[in-house]
Amino acid sequence: MTVMASAQQITERIRELQATLPPNVTLVAVTKLLPVEVIRTAYAAGVRHFGESRVQEAIVKQTELQDYPDITWHLIGHLQTNKARKAVEHFQWIHSVDSLRLAERLNQVAAELGKRPHCCLQAKMLPDPPKMGFDLDDLNAALPVLNQLTHLDICGLMAIPPQNASPEEVQQVFTEAQCLADRISQSNFSHLKILHLSMGMSGDYPLALAAGATMIRLGTTLFGPRPDL
């Protein structure tokens, strides 16, 4: 049986972590499968950015948290194109833009809704067949088209190391993501400026911070094991 952290433990963990983070780093608290009460506890401890993996689950929580209008919601899980409209309606950030087809659909929906969500391109820095994301060759070929999607603020990369990667491979993923971000930003695209690196989870965020992460996505570190683990 898994035991989630108490409200006091969550508060202490968040405050201790926030005290160590550089000022340019955003803590995204990952609250998928966790109850709204946990979000309220994290909010009281100073967190304003929350990450969810499932659109419908997030919408239910947002409805219950309408008294917290300054929360910024981040979609960090795989997004199917048929849920693009709901994603644009309910999230300010979409980290998991993993294909040109999805990006084009999000751009179309954003134009229709009069919105411009912040987006990260999910890139596979090492071969990882089970994981969604742009292969590097496909991403490089897609960049000129992505630059034309002006209803999206494509301003970040999301990098996730392969499961069971060694520490050296994890460091390689994060370092190469930083290099890729720099290369894209220096390519003089009119709209593509990669200013954010969404990388680092509970098991590897210190390595991500060392490589220049500007957003870390932490769940277990803050809240303990999830009900499904």
Protein backbone atom coordinates (compact mmCIF):
# COMPACT_ATOMS: atom_id res chain seq x y z
CA MET A 1 0.00 0.00 0.00
CA THR A 2 1.37 3.40 -1.00
CA VAL A 3 1.27 6.29 1.46
CA MET A 4 1.03 9.80 0.12
CA ALA A 5 2.81 12.55 2.02
CA SER A 6 0.87 14.50 4.62
CA ALA A 7 -0.05 18.15 4.12
CA GLN A 8 2.71 19.18 6.50
CA GLN A 9 5.28 17.06 4.66
CA ILE A 10 4.19 18.48 1.30
CA THR A 11 4.48 22.02 2.62
CA GLU A 12 7.94 21.41 4.08
CA ARG A 13 9.21 19.70 0.91
CA ILE A 14 7.99 22.50 -1.34
CA ARG A 15 9.46 25.25 0.81
CA GLU A 16 12.81 23.47 1.12
CA LEU A 17 12.98 22.90 -2.63
CA GLN A 18 11.89 26.41 -3.58
CA ALA A 19 14.65 27.82 -1.39
CA THR A 20 17.25 25.97 -3.47
CA LEU A 21 15.98 26.72 -6.98
CA PRO A 22 17.57 29.44 -9.12
CA PRO A 23 15.20 32.36 -9.71
CA ASN A 24 14.83 31.55 -13.42
CA VAL A 25 13.53 28.01 -12.72
CA THR A 26 9.79 27.28 -12.52
CA LEU A 27 8.61 24.43 -10.36
CA VAL A 28 5.72 22.62 -12.05
CA ALA A 29 4.02 20.43 -9.46
CA VAL A 30 2.74 17.28 -11.16
CA THR A 31 -0.66 16.47 -9.67
CA LYS A 32 -2.04 13.82 -12.03
CA LEU A 33 -4.16 11.27 -10.12
CA LEU A 34 -3.97 13.37 -6.96
CA PRO A 35 -6.98 14.98 -5.27
CA VAL A 36 -7.76 18.67 -5.35
CA GLU A 37 -6.86 18.96 -1.66
CA VAL A 38 -3.24 18.26 -2.57
CA ILE A 39 -3.27 21.12 -5.07
CA ARG A 40 -4.68 23.43 -2.40
CA THR A 41 -1.89 22.41 -0.02
CA ALA A 42 0.79 23.04 -2.63
CA TYR A 43 -0.81 26.36 -3.55
CA ALA A 44 -0.74 27.46 0.09
CA ALA A 45 2.99 26.61 0.11
CA GLY A 46 3.57 28.97 -2.81
CA VAL A 47 3.22 26.79 -5.93
CA ARG A 48 1.34 28.41 -8.82
CA HIS A 49 2.24 26.06 -11.70
CA PHE A 50 0.59 22.64 -11.88
CA GLY A 51 1.09 19.85 -14.40
CA GLU A 52 -1.55 17.39 -15.51
CA SER A 53 -1.32 14.53 -18.03
CA ARG A 54 -4.97 13.99 -18.86
CA VAL A 55 -7.15 16.75 -20.24
CA GLN A 56 -10.42 15.55 -18.77
CA GLU A 57 -8.98 15.01 -15.30
CA ALA A 58 -7.53 18.51 -15.36
CA ILE A 59 -10.85 20.08 -16.40
CA VAL A 60 -12.60 18.52 -13.39
CA LYS A 61 -9.93 19.91 -11.06
CA GLN A 62 -10.02 23.35 -12.69
CA THR A 63 -13.76 23.49 -12.13
CA GLU A 64 -13.23 22.78 -8.43
CA LEU A 65 -10.43 25.35 -8.19
CA GLN A 66 -12.10 28.36 -9.75
CA ASP A 67 -11.34 30.30 -6.56
CA TYR A 68 -7.64 30.08 -7.52
CA PRO A 69 -7.60 32.12 -10.74
CA ASP A 70 -3.82 32.67 -10.73
CA ILE A 71 -2.92 29.00 -11.22
CA THR A 72 -1.04 28.30 -14.45
CA TRP A 73 -1.94 24.91 -15.90
CA HIS A 74 0.61 22.84 -17.82
CA LEU A 75 -0.32 19.86 -19.98
CA ILE A 76 2.61 17.47 -19.74
CA GLY A 77 1.15 14.20 -21.07
CA HIS A 78 0.65 12.94 -24.58
CA LEU A 79 -2.07 14.87 -26.39
CA GLN A 80 -4.22 13.32 -29.11
CA THR A 81 -5.21 15.67 -31.90
CA ASN A 82 -8.92 15.13 -31.18
CA LYS A 83 -8.39 16.73 -27.75
CA ALA A 84 -6.49 19.73 -29.08
CA ARG A 85 -9.42 22.13 -28.67
CA LYS A 86 -9.95 21.22 -25.02
CA ALA A 87 -6.22 21.52 -24.39
CA VAL A 88 -6.05 25.03 -25.83
CA GLU A 89 -9.15 26.03 -23.89
CA HIS A 90 -7.89 24.81 -20.54
CA PHE A 91 -4.08 24.99 -20.48
CA GLN A 92 -1.75 27.97 -20.74
CA TRP A 93 1.20 25.66 -21.43
CA ILE A 94 1.37 22.53 -23.59
CA HIS A 95 4.71 20.78 -23.08
CA SER A 96 4.08 17.69 -25.19
CA VAL A 97 3.86 18.97 -28.77
CA ASP A 98 5.32 15.81 -30.24
CA SER A 99 4.51 16.00 -33.97
CA LEU A 100 4.02 18.50 -36.75
CA ARG A 101 0.46 17.24 -37.23
CA LEU A 102 -0.40 18.05 -33.62
CA ALA A 103 1.27 21.45 -33.81
CA GLU A 104 -0.70 22.35 -36.92
CA ARG A 105 -3.96 21.28 -35.28
CA LEU A 106 -3.19 23.28 -32.14
CA ASN A 107 -2.40 26.31 -34.28
CA GLN A 108 -5.71 26.00 -36.11
CA VAL A 109 -7.66 25.70 -32.86
CA ALA A 110 -5.78 28.56 -31.22
CA ALA A 111 -6.64 30.81 -34.17
CA GLU A 112 -10.31 29.89 -33.88
CA LEU A 113 -10.36 30.53 -30.13
CA GLY A 114 -8.27 33.68 -30.19
CA LYS A 115 -5.64 32.16 -27.92
CA ARG A 116 -1.85 31.75 -28.13
CA PRO A 117 -0.72 28.98 -25.79
CA HIS A 118 2.90 28.56 -24.79
CA CYS A 119 4.23 25.35 -26.31
CA CYS A 120 7.25 23.10 -25.90
CA LEU A 121 8.41 20.76 -28.64
CA GLN A 122 8.91 17.28 -27.22
CA ALA A 123 12.16 15.98 -28.69
CA LYS A 124 13.80 12.57 -28.38
CA MET A 125 17.48 13.28 -27.86
CA LEU A 126 18.26 9.54 -27.84
CA PRO A 127 16.42 6.75 -29.67
CA ASP A 128 13.41 5.76 -27.57
CA PRO A 129 10.77 3.86 -29.58
CA PRO A 130 8.12 3.60 -26.82
CA LYS A 131 8.09 7.35 -26.21
CA MET A 132 6.28 9.99 -28.24
CA GLY A 133 8.26 12.93 -29.55
CA PHE A 134 10.05 14.37 -32.55
CA ASP A 135 13.03 12.42 -33.79
CA LEU A 136 15.79 14.94 -34.31
CA ASP A 137 15.85 14.61 -38.09
CA ASP A 138 12.08 15.11 -38.25
CA LEU A 139 12.27 18.09 -35.92
CA ASN A 140 14.97 19.77 -37.97
CA ALA A 141 12.91 19.29 -41.14
CA ALA A 142 9.77 20.64 -39.43
CA LEU A 143 11.29 23.83 -37.99
CA PRO A 144 10.52 26.11 -40.98
CA VAL A 145 6.87 24.99 -40.90
CA LEU A 146 6.65 25.32 -37.12
CA ASN A 147 7.96 28.85 -37.47
CA GLN A 148 4.87 29.71 -39.52
CA LEU A 149 2.44 28.59 -36.79
CA THR A 150 2.01 32.08 -35.42
CA HIS A 151 -0.98 31.31 -33.19
CA LEU A 152 1.33 29.22 -31.00
CA ASP A 153 4.08 30.61 -28.81
CA ILE A 154 6.59 27.85 -29.45
CA CYS A 155 9.15 28.84 -26.86
CA GLY A 156 10.47 25.65 -25.29
CA LEU A 157 11.77 22.12 -25.61
CA MET A 158 10.70 19.18 -23.47
CA ALA A 159 13.21 16.35 -23.09
CA ILE A 160 12.62 13.08 -21.24
CA PRO A 161 15.42 10.52 -20.97
CA PRO A 162 14.65 6.93 -21.97
CA GLN A 163 13.41 4.72 -19.18
CA ASN A 164 16.26 2.97 -17.34
CA ALA A 165 18.82 5.32 -18.89
CA SER A 166 22.16 5.46 -17.11
CA PRO A 167 23.17 8.69 -15.34
CA GLU A 168 25.57 9.35 -18.21
CA GLU A 169 22.77 8.96 -20.77
CA VAL A 170 20.47 11.18 -18.73
CA GLN A 171 23.14 13.87 -18.63
CA GLN A 172 23.65 13.46 -22.38
CA VAL A 173 19.94 13.99 -23.04
CA PHE A 174 19.83 17.18 -21.00
CA THR A 175 23.07 18.59 -22.37
CA GLU A 176 22.06 17.91 -25.98
CA ALA A 177 18.65 19.47 -25.38
CA GLN A 178 20.37 22.64 -24.21
CA CYS A 179 22.54 22.63 -27.34
CA LEU A 180 19.51 22.08 -29.57
CA ALA A 181 17.65 24.93 -27.92
CA ASP A 182 20.59 27.25 -28.50
CA ARG A 183 20.90 26.19 -32.12
CA ILE A 184 17.22 26.79 -32.86
CA SER A 185 17.27 30.17 -31.15
CA GLN A 186 20.32 31.21 -33.14
CA SER A 187 18.76 30.21 -36.48
CA ASN A 188 17.02 33.57 -36.96
CA PHE A 189 13.51 32.17 -37.14
CA SER A 190 10.96 34.94 -36.88
CA HIS A 191 8.77 33.22 -34.27
CA LEU A 192 10.68 30.20 -32.94
CA LYS A 193 12.72 31.25 -29.92
CA ILE A 194 13.52 28.44 -27.52
CA LEU A 195 13.76 30.21 -24.19
CA HIS A 196 12.63 27.37 -21.93
CA LEU A 197 13.85 23.85 -21.25
CA SER A 198 11.22 21.62 -19.65
CA MET A 199 13.29 18.77 -18.33
CA GLY A 200 13.91 17.09 -15.04
CA MET A 201 11.57 14.94 -12.96
CA SER A 202 11.80 13.58 -9.44
CA GLY A 203 14.56 11.09 -10.24
CA ASP A 204 16.84 13.34 -12.27
CA TYR A 205 16.03 17.01 -11.76
CA PRO A 206 19.45 17.92 -10.24
CA LEU A 207 21.08 16.81 -13.50
CA ALA A 208 18.52 18.81 -15.48
CA LEU A 209 19.17 21.93 -13.44
CA ALA A 210 22.90 21.55 -14.00
CA ALA A 211 22.24 21.42 -17.76
CA GLY A 212 20.13 24.59 -17.78
CA ALA A 213 16.54 23.47 -17.20
CA THR A 214 14.13 26.35 -16.69
CA MET A 215 11.13 24.15 -15.79
CA ILE A 216 11.24 21.02 -13.65
CA ARG A 217 8.23 18.73 -13.35
CA LEU A 218 8.09 17.14 -9.91
CA GLY A 219 5.48 14.85 -8.43
CA THR A 220 6.84 12.08 -6.20
CA THR A 221 9.51 14.35 -4.70
CA LEU A 222 6.78 16.63 -3.39
CA PHE A 223 3.83 14.37 -2.79
CA GLY A 224 5.14 10.84 -2.31
CA PRO A 225 3.96 7.82 -4.35
CA ARG A 226 0.84 8.18 -6.46
CA PRO A 227 -2.19 5.91 -5.98
CA ASP A 228 -1.32 4.00 -9.19
CA LEU A 229 2.27 3.25 -8.24
